[in-house]
Amino acid sequence: MKRPAVAAASTLLLSVSGAALAAVVYVSGHGQSYDPGIALEDARADAVAQCEAQGGTPVEEVYNHLSRGALWLASSVWSCEVPE
């Protein structure tokens, strides 16, 4: 009777410890161009590069923003899963 309980406990410990090996951080990127699509593309690439520079994996884009001055200015915020 103790074997199933030990197996269940060890499975639970493995799943909990696996989840604790990664942390979610937020990174932001910025871009500018005369074309709004290029500005946003550059901002996303910048954020992904910052995530990968930390040894992380980009998860999803959380927020982006475009504004127009002399150029289109873009920002992009991504959630990034990094090892602890």
N, C-alpha and C. Protein backbone atom coordinates (compact mmCIF):
# COMPACT_ATOMS: atom_id res chain seq x y z
N MET A 1 0.81 -1.21 0.00
CA MET A 1 0.00 0.00 0.00
C MET A 1 0.85 1.27 0.00
N LYS A 2 2.07 1.18 0.46
CA LYS A 2 2.88 2.37 0.53
C LYS A 2 3.48 2.75 -0.83
N ARG A 3 3.65 1.82 -1.73
CA ARG A 3 4.26 2.13 -3.02
C ARG A 3 3.45 3.15 -3.83
N PRO A 4 2.14 3.01 -3.96
CA PRO A 4 1.40 4.04 -4.71
C PRO A 4 1.52 5.43 -4.07
N ALA A 5 1.55 5.49 -2.76
CA ALA A 5 1.66 6.79 -2.09
C ALA A 5 3.03 7.41 -2.34
N VAL A 6 4.08 6.59 -2.32
CA VAL A 6 5.42 7.09 -2.58
C VAL A 6 5.53 7.55 -4.04
N ALA A 7 4.96 6.80 -4.95
CA ALA A 7 5.01 7.17 -6.37
C ALA A 7 4.25 8.48 -6.60
N ALA A 8 3.11 8.62 -5.98
CA ALA A 8 2.32 9.84 -6.13
C ALA A 8 3.06 11.03 -5.53
N ALA A 9 3.68 10.85 -4.40
CA ALA A 9 4.42 11.94 -3.75
C ALA A 9 5.62 12.35 -4.59
N SER A 10 6.34 11.38 -5.14
CA SER A 10 7.51 11.73 -5.94
C SER A 10 7.10 12.41 -7.24
N THR A 11 5.98 12.00 -7.83
CA THR A 11 5.48 12.65 -9.03
C THR A 11 5.10 14.10 -8.73
N LEU A 12 4.46 14.32 -7.62
CA LEU A 12 4.08 15.67 -7.21
C LEU A 12 5.32 16.53 -6.98
N LEU A 13 6.32 15.99 -6.32
CA LEU A 13 7.55 16.74 -6.07
C LEU A 13 8.26 17.11 -7.37
N LEU A 14 8.31 16.18 -8.31
CA LEU A 14 8.96 16.46 -9.59
C LEU A 14 8.24 17.56 -10.36
N SER A 15 6.91 17.54 -10.34
CA SER A 15 6.17 18.57 -11.07
C SER A 15 6.32 19.93 -10.41
N VAL A 16 6.36 19.98 -9.08
CA VAL A 16 6.52 21.25 -8.38
C VAL A 16 7.93 21.78 -8.57
N SER A 17 8.94 20.93 -8.48
CA SER A 17 10.32 21.39 -8.62
C SER A 17 10.59 21.84 -10.06
N GLY A 18 9.97 21.22 -11.05
CA GLY A 18 10.14 21.62 -12.44
C GLY A 18 9.58 23.01 -12.69
N ALA A 19 8.48 23.34 -12.03
CA ALA A 19 7.87 24.65 -12.21
C ALA A 19 8.71 25.74 -11.54
N ALA A 20 9.47 25.36 -10.52
CA ALA A 20 10.25 26.36 -9.80
C ALA A 20 11.57 26.69 -10.49
N LEU A 21 11.89 26.00 -11.57
CA LEU A 21 13.16 26.23 -12.25
C LEU A 21 13.12 27.40 -13.23
N ALA A 22 11.95 27.97 -13.47
CA ALA A 22 11.84 29.08 -14.41
C ALA A 22 11.06 30.22 -13.77
N ALA A 23 11.44 31.43 -14.12
CA ALA A 23 10.74 32.62 -13.64
C ALA A 23 10.25 33.41 -14.85
N VAL A 24 9.16 34.10 -14.67
CA VAL A 24 8.64 34.95 -15.74
C VAL A 24 9.04 36.39 -15.44
N VAL A 25 9.72 37.01 -16.39
CA VAL A 25 10.09 38.42 -16.29
C VAL A 25 9.49 39.13 -17.51
N TYR A 26 9.48 40.43 -17.47
CA TYR A 26 8.95 41.21 -18.58
C TYR A 26 10.08 42.04 -19.19
N VAL A 27 10.17 42.02 -20.49
CA VAL A 27 11.19 42.78 -21.21
C VAL A 27 10.48 43.71 -22.19
N SER A 28 11.12 44.82 -22.49
CA SER A 28 10.52 45.75 -23.44
C SER A 28 11.53 46.07 -24.54
N GLY A 29 10.98 46.35 -25.70
CA GLY A 29 11.80 46.72 -26.84
C GLY A 29 11.25 47.97 -27.48
N HIS A 30 12.10 48.65 -28.22
CA HIS A 30 11.70 49.91 -28.85
C HIS A 30 12.18 49.94 -30.30
N GLY A 31 11.41 50.60 -31.14
CA GLY A 31 11.77 50.74 -32.54
C GLY A 31 11.25 52.06 -33.09
N GLN A 32 11.86 52.52 -34.15
CA GLN A 32 11.40 53.74 -34.82
C GLN A 32 11.65 53.64 -36.31
N SER A 33 10.73 54.19 -37.07
CA SER A 33 10.84 54.14 -38.52
C SER A 33 9.83 55.11 -39.12
N TYR A 34 9.98 55.37 -40.41
CA TYR A 34 8.97 56.14 -41.13
C TYR A 34 7.76 55.29 -41.46
N ASP A 35 7.89 53.97 -41.31
CA ASP A 35 6.79 53.03 -41.56
C ASP A 35 6.36 52.42 -40.22
N PRO A 36 5.06 52.47 -39.88
CA PRO A 36 4.63 51.95 -38.58
C PRO A 36 4.85 50.44 -38.43
N GLY A 37 4.69 49.69 -39.50
CA GLY A 37 4.90 48.24 -39.43
C GLY A 37 6.34 47.88 -39.12
N ILE A 38 7.26 48.61 -39.73
CA ILE A 38 8.68 48.36 -39.49
C ILE A 38 9.05 48.76 -38.06
N ALA A 39 8.51 49.87 -37.59
CA ALA A 39 8.80 50.31 -36.22
C ALA A 39 8.35 49.26 -35.21
N LEU A 40 7.13 48.72 -35.40
CA LEU A 40 6.62 47.71 -34.48
C LEU A 40 7.41 46.41 -34.59
N GLU A 41 7.77 46.04 -35.80
CA GLU A 41 8.57 44.83 -36.01
C GLU A 41 9.93 44.96 -35.31
N ASP A 42 10.55 46.14 -35.41
CA ASP A 42 11.83 46.37 -34.74
C ASP A 42 11.70 46.33 -33.22
N ALA A 43 10.59 46.88 -32.71
CA ALA A 43 10.37 46.87 -31.26
C ALA A 43 10.20 45.44 -30.77
N ARG A 44 9.44 44.63 -31.51
CA ARG A 44 9.26 43.23 -31.11
C ARG A 44 10.58 42.47 -31.17
N ALA A 45 11.36 42.70 -32.21
CA ALA A 45 12.65 42.01 -32.33
C ALA A 45 13.60 42.43 -31.20
N ASP A 46 13.55 43.70 -30.81
CA ASP A 46 14.38 44.18 -29.72
C ASP A 46 14.00 43.50 -28.40
N ALA A 47 12.71 43.39 -28.13
CA ALA A 47 12.25 42.75 -26.89
C ALA A 47 12.64 41.27 -26.87
N VAL A 48 12.45 40.57 -27.97
CA VAL A 48 12.80 39.15 -28.05
C VAL A 48 14.31 38.98 -27.87
N ALA A 49 15.10 39.86 -28.44
CA ALA A 49 16.56 39.78 -28.29
C ALA A 49 16.97 40.00 -26.83
N GLN A 50 16.29 40.90 -26.14
CA GLN A 50 16.60 41.14 -24.73
C GLN A 50 16.24 39.91 -23.89
N CYS A 51 15.15 39.26 -24.23
CA CYS A 51 14.76 38.04 -23.53
C CYS A 51 15.80 36.95 -23.74
N GLU A 52 16.18 36.74 -24.99
CA GLU A 52 17.14 35.69 -25.32
C GLU A 52 18.52 36.00 -24.75
N ALA A 53 18.88 37.26 -24.59
CA ALA A 53 20.16 37.63 -24.00
C ALA A 53 20.25 37.20 -22.54
N GLN A 54 19.09 37.05 -21.90
CA GLN A 54 19.05 36.58 -20.52
C GLN A 54 18.96 35.06 -20.44
N GLY A 55 19.03 34.41 -21.59
CA GLY A 55 18.91 32.96 -21.63
C GLY A 55 17.47 32.49 -21.54
N GLY A 56 16.54 33.38 -21.86
CA GLY A 56 15.14 33.07 -21.72
C GLY A 56 14.45 32.73 -23.03
N THR A 57 13.18 32.40 -22.88
CA THR A 57 12.33 32.07 -24.01
C THR A 57 11.15 33.04 -24.03
N PRO A 58 10.96 33.77 -25.12
CA PRO A 58 9.80 34.67 -25.18
C PRO A 58 8.50 33.87 -25.17
N VAL A 59 7.56 34.30 -24.34
CA VAL A 59 6.29 33.58 -24.21
C VAL A 59 5.22 34.24 -25.06
N GLU A 60 4.94 35.51 -24.80
CA GLU A 60 3.93 36.21 -25.58
C GLU A 60 4.08 37.72 -25.42
N GLU A 61 3.58 38.43 -26.41
CA GLU A 61 3.56 39.88 -26.33
C GLU A 61 2.43 40.30 -25.41
N VAL A 62 2.75 41.13 -24.42
CA VAL A 62 1.76 41.56 -23.44
C VAL A 62 1.13 42.89 -23.86
N TYR A 63 1.94 43.76 -24.46
CA TYR A 63 1.48 45.11 -24.77
C TYR A 63 2.33 45.69 -25.89
N ASN A 64 1.72 46.50 -26.74
CA ASN A 64 2.50 47.28 -27.70
C ASN A 64 1.83 48.63 -27.91
N HIS A 65 2.62 49.58 -28.36
CA HIS A 65 2.12 50.93 -28.54
C HIS A 65 2.86 51.60 -29.70
N LEU A 66 2.12 52.32 -30.50
CA LEU A 66 2.68 53.10 -31.61
C LEU A 66 2.29 54.56 -31.41
N SER A 67 3.24 55.46 -31.65
CA SER A 67 2.92 56.88 -31.64
C SER A 67 3.66 57.54 -32.79
N ARG A 68 3.16 58.69 -33.19
CA ARG A 68 3.73 59.36 -34.36
C ARG A 68 4.25 60.73 -33.96
N GLY A 69 5.51 60.96 -34.25
CA GLY A 69 6.12 62.27 -34.14
C GLY A 69 6.70 62.55 -35.51
N ALA A 70 7.97 62.88 -35.56
CA ALA A 70 8.64 62.99 -36.85
C ALA A 70 8.78 61.59 -37.47
N LEU A 71 8.87 60.58 -36.60
CA LEU A 71 8.93 59.17 -37.00
C LEU A 71 7.87 58.40 -36.23
N TRP A 72 7.57 57.20 -36.67
CA TRP A 72 6.74 56.31 -35.89
C TRP A 72 7.61 55.72 -34.78
N LEU A 73 7.14 55.80 -33.55
CA LEU A 73 7.84 55.24 -32.40
C LEU A 73 7.01 54.07 -31.87
N ALA A 74 7.65 52.94 -31.65
CA ALA A 74 6.93 51.75 -31.20
C ALA A 74 7.60 51.18 -29.95
N SER A 75 6.78 50.61 -29.09
CA SER A 75 7.30 49.87 -27.95
C SER A 75 6.52 48.56 -27.85
N SER A 76 7.18 47.56 -27.33
CA SER A 76 6.58 46.24 -27.21
C SER A 76 7.06 45.61 -25.90
N VAL A 77 6.15 45.07 -25.12
CA VAL A 77 6.48 44.42 -23.86
C VAL A 77 6.12 42.95 -23.98
N TRP A 78 7.06 42.09 -23.62
CA TRP A 78 6.88 40.63 -23.72
C TRP A 78 7.09 39.97 -22.37
N SER A 79 6.35 38.90 -22.12
CA SER A 79 6.67 38.05 -20.98
C SER A 79 7.75 37.07 -21.46
N CYS A 80 8.69 36.80 -20.57
CA CYS A 80 9.86 36.01 -20.93
C CYS A 80 10.12 35.01 -19.80
N GLU A 81 10.25 33.76 -20.13
CA GLU A 81 10.52 32.73 -19.14
C GLU A 81 12.02 32.50 -19.09
N VAL A 82 12.64 32.82 -17.94
CA VAL A 82 14.09 32.66 -17.79
C VAL A 82 14.39 31.63 -16.71
N PRO A 83 15.48 30.90 -16.87
CA PRO A 83 15.86 29.93 -15.84
C PRO A 83 16.34 30.65 -14.58
N GLU A 84 16.06 30.05 -13.45
CA GLU A 84 16.50 30.65 -12.18
C GLU A 84 17.84 30.12 -11.76
